[in-house]
Amino acid sequence: MQHELTEILDILKFAGIFAPLFFILLHLMRQFLFLPVGLICMAGGVLFGSVYGTLYSIIGITLSSVLFYGLLKKMPNTLNRFLKIKRKVVGKRMPFSIGQIAILKLVPFIHFQLLSLLILEITKSFKEYTKASTVSNVPLAFMYSTFGHYIFKISVIWGIGIAAVMLVLFHLLRKKEWVIKWEEFFEKEKSNAKSA
């Protein structure tokens, strides 16, 4: 990961005044280059500092989410494939809240587009999707850009503390209500009766 971060920094250093534009474009191309979102946000923190790195990352990640939305609307077969993957990974459970999705975006090994799909499922329009994506992208951009800015100064104890706070927030930000469709409820009852 250190090697990729160094390469990104070297490329963007030579961009001059166009570095923010190239950085935002890098966020758009990230999904095709298979680069982790956190890595690019950290590069933004190193290059532009916490404030501008966060701002440019929010713009880039949100544009990436909008691009994902547009691609899924144009390619319904790809949407169906993503939905099958989502059912395998998440299963049939109550939907996540925007706060929970925002916290899951902070976890580096969770697929970013899968989380964008979860947002797509709980929103009703493009405007609502864009707003929810932007809100859920703010903590991601802030945490990784700030981490990138202070990467050489952070201690292990702070890292453990941040992970503990994320776990508590994930629990507190869950949806407190369950909506179960009539058919799903009685489907479970039938399967319980057959097994007994």
C-alpha atoms as a PDB file:
ATOM      1  CA  MET A   1       0.000   0.000   0.000  1.00  0.00           C
ATOM      2  CA  GLN A   2       2.939   2.306   0.728  1.00  0.00           C
ATOM      3  CA  HIS A   3       4.232   1.733  -2.827  1.00  0.00           C
ATOM      4  CA  GLU A   4       0.899   2.686  -4.472  1.00  0.00           C
ATOM      5  CA  LEU A   5       0.618   5.790  -2.270  1.00  0.00           C
ATOM      6  CA  THR A   6       4.115   6.875  -3.296  1.00  0.00           C
ATOM      7  CA  GLU A   7       3.305   6.412  -7.000  1.00  0.00           C
ATOM      8  CA  ILE A   8       0.088   8.451  -6.725  1.00  0.00           C
ATOM      9  CA  LEU A   9       1.933  11.229  -4.901  1.00  0.00           C
ATOM     10  CA  ASP A  10       4.701  11.307  -7.522  1.00  0.00           C
ATOM     11  CA  ILE A  11       2.208  11.619 -10.362  1.00  0.00           C
ATOM     12  CA  LEU A  12       0.171  14.360  -8.694  1.00  0.00           C
ATOM     13  CA  LYS A  13       3.231  16.385  -7.635  1.00  0.00           C
ATOM     14  CA  PHE A  14       4.025  17.123 -11.276  1.00  0.00           C
ATOM     15  CA  ALA A  15       0.460  18.235 -12.092  1.00  0.00           C
ATOM     16  CA  GLY A  16       1.018  21.735 -10.692  1.00  0.00           C
ATOM     17  CA  ILE A  17      -2.104  23.904 -10.524  1.00  0.00           C
ATOM     18  CA  PHE A  18      -4.110  21.110 -12.182  1.00  0.00           C
ATOM     19  CA  ALA A  19      -3.367  18.693  -9.313  1.00  0.00           C
ATOM     20  CA  PRO A  20      -6.850  19.076  -7.713  1.00  0.00           C
ATOM     21  CA  LEU A  21      -8.513  18.353 -11.066  1.00  0.00           C
ATOM     22  CA  PHE A  22      -6.315  15.296 -11.671  1.00  0.00           C
ATOM     23  CA  PHE A  23      -6.983  14.172  -8.104  1.00  0.00           C
ATOM     24  CA  ILE A  24     -10.756  14.345  -8.649  1.00  0.00           C
ATOM     25  CA  LEU A  25     -10.375  12.506 -11.975  1.00  0.00           C
ATOM     26  CA  LEU A  26      -8.324   9.865 -10.168  1.00  0.00           C
ATOM     27  CA  HIS A  27     -11.311   9.309  -7.881  1.00  0.00           C
ATOM     28  CA  LEU A  28     -13.500   8.827 -10.967  1.00  0.00           C
ATOM     29  CA  MET A  29     -11.059   6.352 -12.514  1.00  0.00           C
ATOM     30  CA  ARG A  30     -10.393   4.568  -9.206  1.00  0.00           C
ATOM     31  CA  GLN A  31     -13.013   1.869  -9.741  1.00  0.00           C
ATOM     32  CA  PHE A  32     -11.547   0.969 -13.144  1.00  0.00           C
ATOM     33  CA  LEU A  33      -7.961   0.949 -11.809  1.00  0.00           C
ATOM     34  CA  PHE A  34      -8.955  -1.149  -8.759  1.00  0.00           C
ATOM     35  CA  LEU A  35      -7.482   1.348  -6.295  1.00  0.00           C
ATOM     36  CA  PRO A  36      -8.877   1.513  -2.747  1.00  0.00           C
ATOM     37  CA  VAL A  37     -10.825   4.681  -1.913  1.00  0.00           C
ATOM     38  CA  GLY A  38      -8.955   5.126   1.360  1.00  0.00           C
ATOM     39  CA  LEU A  39      -5.602   5.103  -0.400  1.00  0.00           C
ATOM     40  CA  ILE A  40      -6.597   7.945  -2.716  1.00  0.00           C
ATOM     41  CA  CYS A  41      -8.076   9.958   0.171  1.00  0.00           C
ATOM     42  CA  MET A  42      -4.843   9.478   2.117  1.00  0.00           C
ATOM     43  CA  ALA A  43      -2.890  10.754  -0.885  1.00  0.00           C
ATOM     44  CA  GLY A  44      -5.162  13.809  -0.888  1.00  0.00           C
ATOM     45  CA  GLY A  45      -4.393  14.419   2.778  1.00  0.00           C
ATOM     46  CA  VAL A  46      -0.662  14.175   2.157  1.00  0.00           C
ATOM     47  CA  LEU A  47      -0.748  16.444  -0.912  1.00  0.00           C
ATOM     48  CA  PHE A  48      -3.400  19.022  -0.073  1.00  0.00           C
ATOM     49  CA  GLY A  49      -3.709  18.826   3.718  1.00  0.00           C
ATOM     50  CA  SER A  50      -6.714  17.774   5.768  1.00  0.00           C
ATOM     51  CA  VAL A  51      -9.150  20.486   4.663  1.00  0.00           C
ATOM     52  CA  TYR A  52      -8.552  20.598   0.909  1.00  0.00           C
ATOM     53  CA  GLY A  53      -7.836  16.876   0.742  1.00  0.00           C
ATOM     54  CA  THR A  54     -11.227  16.225   2.359  1.00  0.00           C
ATOM     55  CA  LEU A  55     -13.006  18.686   0.062  1.00  0.00           C
ATOM     56  CA  TYR A  56     -11.482  17.275  -3.134  1.00  0.00           C
ATOM     57  CA  SER A  57     -12.127  13.723  -1.955  1.00  0.00           C
ATOM     58  CA  ILE A  58     -15.803  14.458  -1.227  1.00  0.00           C
ATOM     59  CA  ILE A  59     -16.198  15.894  -4.719  1.00  0.00           C
ATOM     60  CA  GLY A  60     -14.362  12.972  -6.344  1.00  0.00           C
ATOM     61  CA  ILE A  61     -16.100  10.215  -4.379  1.00  0.00           C
ATOM     62  CA  THR A  62     -19.534  11.760  -4.937  1.00  0.00           C
ATOM     63  CA  LEU A  63     -18.897  12.060  -8.681  1.00  0.00           C
ATOM     64  CA  SER A  64     -17.748   8.428  -8.630  1.00  0.00           C
ATOM     65  CA  SER A  65     -21.006   7.440  -6.907  1.00  0.00           C
ATOM     66  CA  VAL A  66     -23.017   9.389  -9.482  1.00  0.00           C
ATOM     67  CA  LEU A  67     -21.095   7.634 -12.276  1.00  0.00           C
ATOM     68  CA  PHE A  68     -21.909   4.281 -10.652  1.00  0.00           C
ATOM     69  CA  TYR A  69     -25.612   5.255 -10.481  1.00  0.00           C
ATOM     70  CA  GLY A  70     -25.625   6.215 -14.164  1.00  0.00           C
ATOM     71  CA  LEU A  71     -23.866   3.014 -15.238  1.00  0.00           C
ATOM     72  CA  LEU A  72     -26.300   0.828 -13.294  1.00  0.00           C
ATOM     73  CA  LYS A  73     -29.309   2.617 -14.778  1.00  0.00           C
ATOM     74  CA  LYS A  74     -27.907   2.115 -18.301  1.00  0.00           C
ATOM     75  CA  MET A  75     -26.977  -1.547 -17.711  1.00  0.00           C
ATOM     76  CA  PRO A  76     -29.768  -3.424 -15.885  1.00  0.00           C
ATOM     77  CA  ASN A  77     -27.961  -6.784 -16.252  1.00  0.00           C
ATOM     78  CA  THR A  78     -25.043  -5.422 -14.249  1.00  0.00           C
ATOM     79  CA  LEU A  79     -27.502  -4.157 -11.636  1.00  0.00           C
ATOM     80  CA  ASN A  80     -29.007  -7.646 -11.343  1.00  0.00           C
ATOM     81  CA  ARG A  81     -25.528  -9.147 -10.923  1.00  0.00           C
ATOM     82  CA  PHE A  82     -24.718  -6.646  -8.182  1.00  0.00           C
ATOM     83  CA  LEU A  83     -28.032  -7.442  -6.475  1.00  0.00           C
ATOM     84  CA  LYS A  84     -27.181 -11.172  -6.471  1.00  0.00           C
ATOM     85  CA  ILE A  85     -23.783 -10.433  -4.928  1.00  0.00           C
ATOM     86  CA  LYS A  86     -25.442  -8.167  -2.377  1.00  0.00           C
ATOM     87  CA  ARG A  87     -27.915 -10.925  -1.410  1.00  0.00           C
ATOM     88  CA  LYS A  88     -25.042 -13.366  -0.911  1.00  0.00           C
ATOM     89  CA  VAL A  89     -22.997 -10.940   1.175  1.00  0.00           C
ATOM     90  CA  VAL A  90     -25.697  -9.133   3.149  1.00  0.00           C
ATOM     91  CA  GLY A  91     -28.583 -11.588   2.869  1.00  0.00           C
ATOM     92  CA  LYS A  92     -32.186 -10.721   3.622  1.00  0.00           C
ATOM     93  CA  ARG A  93     -31.962  -8.375   6.539  1.00  0.00           C
ATOM     94  CA  MET A  94     -33.292  -4.997   7.393  1.00  0.00           C
ATOM     95  CA  PRO A  95     -31.687  -2.225   5.352  1.00  0.00           C
ATOM     96  CA  PHE A  96     -28.739  -0.336   6.725  1.00  0.00           C
ATOM     97  CA  SER A  97     -29.135   3.295   7.717  1.00  0.00           C
ATOM     98  CA  ILE A  98     -27.106   6.025   6.017  1.00  0.00           C
ATOM     99  CA  GLY A  99     -25.044   6.352   9.222  1.00  0.00           C
ATOM    100  CA  GLN A 100     -24.197   2.654   9.199  1.00  0.00           C
ATOM    101  CA  ILE A 101     -23.238   2.795   5.524  1.00  0.00           C
ATOM    102  CA  ALA A 102     -21.023   5.810   6.259  1.00  0.00           C
ATOM    103  CA  ILE A 103     -19.221   3.809   8.951  1.00  0.00           C
ATOM    104  CA  LEU A 104     -18.923   0.744   6.694  1.00  0.00           C
ATOM    105  CA  LYS A 105     -17.281   2.965   4.068  1.00  0.00           C
ATOM    106  CA  LEU A 106     -14.508   3.597   6.584  1.00  0.00           C
ATOM    107  CA  VAL A 107     -13.616  -0.102   6.606  1.00  0.00           C
ATOM    108  CA  PRO A 108     -11.003  -0.594   3.858  1.00  0.00           C
ATOM    109  CA  PHE A 109     -11.851  -4.167   2.802  1.00  0.00           C
ATOM    110  CA  ILE A 110     -15.595  -3.639   2.220  1.00  0.00           C
ATOM    111  CA  HIS A 111     -16.450  -3.152  -1.442  1.00  0.00           C
ATOM    112  CA  PHE A 112     -17.310   0.509  -2.041  1.00  0.00           C
ATOM    113  CA  GLN A 113     -19.726  -0.144  -4.940  1.00  0.00           C
ATOM    114  CA  LEU A 114     -21.647  -2.646  -2.818  1.00  0.00           C
ATOM    115  CA  LEU A 115     -22.201   0.115  -0.270  1.00  0.00           C
ATOM    116  CA  SER A 116     -23.309   2.450  -3.066  1.00  0.00           C
ATOM    117  CA  LEU A 117     -25.801  -0.244  -4.083  1.00  0.00           C
ATOM    118  CA  LEU A 118     -27.162  -0.320  -0.523  1.00  0.00           C
ATOM    119  CA  ILE A 119     -27.709   3.443  -0.769  1.00  0.00           C
ATOM    120  CA  LEU A 120     -29.401   2.974  -4.147  1.00  0.00           C
ATOM    121  CA  GLU A 121     -31.828   0.490  -2.595  1.00  0.00           C
ATOM    122  CA  ILE A 122     -32.893   2.765   0.259  1.00  0.00           C
ATOM    123  CA  THR A 123     -33.327   5.915  -1.839  1.00  0.00           C
ATOM    124  CA  LYS A 124     -36.148   6.667  -4.238  1.00  0.00           C
ATOM    125  CA  SER A 125     -34.689   9.199  -6.677  1.00  0.00           C
ATOM    126  CA  PHE A 126     -31.406  10.396  -8.160  1.00  0.00           C
ATOM    127  CA  LYS A 127     -31.492  13.539  -6.015  1.00  0.00           C
ATOM    128  CA  GLU A 128     -32.010  11.526  -2.828  1.00  0.00           C
ATOM    129  CA  TYR A 129     -29.273   9.071  -3.861  1.00  0.00           C
ATOM    130  CA  THR A 130     -26.798  11.887  -4.521  1.00  0.00           C
ATOM    131  CA  LYS A 131     -27.591  13.550  -1.198  1.00  0.00           C
ATOM    132  CA  ALA A 132     -27.270  10.257   0.733  1.00  0.00           C
ATOM    133  CA  SER A 133     -24.025   9.403  -1.085  1.00  0.00           C
ATOM    134  CA  THR A 134     -22.539  12.801  -0.296  1.00  0.00           C
ATOM    135  CA  VAL A 135     -23.503  12.545   3.379  1.00  0.00           C
ATOM    136  CA  SER A 136     -22.068   9.026   3.663  1.00  0.00           C
ATOM    137  CA  ASN A 137     -18.868  10.065   1.863  1.00  0.00           C
ATOM    138  CA  VAL A 138     -18.011  12.921   4.249  1.00  0.00           C
ATOM    139  CA  PRO A 139     -16.721  10.741   7.140  1.00  0.00           C
ATOM    140  CA  LEU A 140     -14.714   8.596   4.709  1.00  0.00           C
ATOM    141  CA  ALA A 141     -13.059  11.584   3.058  1.00  0.00           C
ATOM    142  CA  PHE A 142     -12.425  13.341   6.370  1.00  0.00           C
ATOM    143  CA  MET A 143     -10.983  10.345   8.220  1.00  0.00           C
ATOM    144  CA  TYR A 144      -8.657   9.141   5.459  1.00  0.00           C
ATOM    145  CA  SER A 145      -7.538  12.634   4.392  1.00  0.00           C
ATOM    146  CA  THR A 146      -6.785  13.534   8.001  1.00  0.00           C
ATOM    147  CA  PHE A 147      -5.055  10.198   8.479  1.00  0.00           C
ATOM    148  CA  GLY A 148      -3.017  10.872   5.337  1.00  0.00           C
ATOM    149  CA  HIS A 149      -2.067  14.305   6.655  1.00  0.00           C
ATOM    150  CA  TYR A 150      -0.953  12.899  10.037  1.00  0.00           C
ATOM    151  CA  ILE A 151       0.124   9.429   8.845  1.00  0.00           C
ATOM    152  CA  PHE A 152       3.640   9.753  10.223  1.00  0.00           C
ATOM    153  CA  LYS A 153       2.509  11.127  13.602  1.00  0.00           C
ATOM    154  CA  ILE A 154      -0.357   8.791  14.667  1.00  0.00           C
ATOM    155  CA  SER A 155       0.232   6.174  17.374  1.00  0.00           C
ATOM    156  CA  VAL A 156      -1.156   2.644  17.691  1.00  0.00           C
ATOM    157  CA  ILE A 157      -3.251   3.630  20.722  1.00  0.00           C
ATOM    158  CA  TRP A 158      -5.025   6.319  18.711  1.00  0.00           C
ATOM    159  CA  GLY A 159      -5.695   3.784  15.943  1.00  0.00           C
ATOM    160  CA  ILE A 160      -7.253   1.312  18.398  1.00  0.00           C
ATOM    161  CA  GLY A 161      -9.318   4.109  19.939  1.00  0.00           C
ATOM    162  CA  ILE A 162     -10.657   5.186  16.546  1.00  0.00           C
ATOM    163  CA  ALA A 163     -11.602   1.570  15.711  1.00  0.00           C
ATOM    164  CA  ALA A 164     -13.456   1.227  19.038  1.00  0.00           C
ATOM    165  CA  VAL A 165     -15.389   4.455  18.432  1.00  0.00           C
ATOM    166  CA  MET A 166     -16.366   3.231  14.948  1.00  0.00           C
ATOM    167  CA  LEU A 167     -17.748  -0.021  16.392  1.00  0.00           C
ATOM    168  CA  VAL A 168     -19.836   1.846  18.979  1.00  0.00           C
ATOM    169  CA  LEU A 169     -21.142   4.279  16.352  1.00  0.00           C
ATOM    170  CA  PHE A 170     -22.037   1.411  14.019  1.00  0.00           C
ATOM    171  CA  HIS A 171     -24.218  -0.070  16.744  1.00  0.00           C
ATOM    172  CA  LEU A 172     -25.797   3.247  17.752  1.00  0.00           C
ATOM    173  CA  LEU A 173     -26.617   4.332  14.183  1.00  0.00           C
ATOM    174  CA  ARG A 174     -28.529   1.187  13.224  1.00  0.00           C
ATOM    175  CA  LYS A 175     -32.177   1.367  12.220  1.00  0.00           C
ATOM    176  CA  LYS A 176     -34.320   0.704  15.242  1.00  0.00           C
ATOM    177  CA  GLU A 177     -37.274  -0.732  13.351  1.00  0.00           C
ATOM    178  CA  TRP A 178     -37.728  -3.878  11.319  1.00  0.00           C
ATOM    179  CA  VAL A 179     -40.038  -4.081   8.332  1.00  0.00           C
ATOM    180  CA  ILE A 180     -40.828  -7.655   7.373  1.00  0.00           C
ATOM    181  CA  LYS A 181     -43.049  -8.359   4.408  1.00  0.00           C
ATOM    182  CA  TRP A 182     -46.066 -10.568   5.022  1.00  0.00           C
ATOM    183  CA  GLU A 183     -44.786 -13.278   2.659  1.00  0.00           C
ATOM    184  CA  GLU A 184     -41.317 -13.341   4.237  1.00  0.00           C
ATOM    185  CA  PHE A 185     -42.764 -13.715   7.745  1.00  0.00           C
ATOM    186  CA  PHE A 186     -44.945 -16.656   6.818  1.00  0.00           C
ATOM    187  CA  GLU A 187     -42.173 -18.161   4.697  1.00  0.00           C
ATOM    188  CA  LYS A 188     -40.054 -18.393   7.851  1.00  0.00           C
ATOM    189  CA  GLU A 189     -42.962 -19.890   9.779  1.00  0.00           C
ATOM    190  CA  LYS A 190     -43.465 -22.561   7.092  1.00  0.00           C
ATOM    191  CA  SER A 191     -39.780 -23.485   7.084  1.00  0.00           C
ATOM    192  CA  ASN A 192     -39.807 -23.721  10.909  1.00  0.00           C
ATOM    193  CA  ALA A 193     -42.884 -25.977  10.809  1.00  0.00           C
ATOM    194  CA  LYS A 194     -41.286 -28.282   8.200  1.00  0.00           C
ATOM    195  CA  SER A 195     -38.075 -28.635  10.215  1.00  0.00           C
ATOM    196  CA  ALA A 196     -40.006 -29.498  13.389  1.00  0.00           C
END
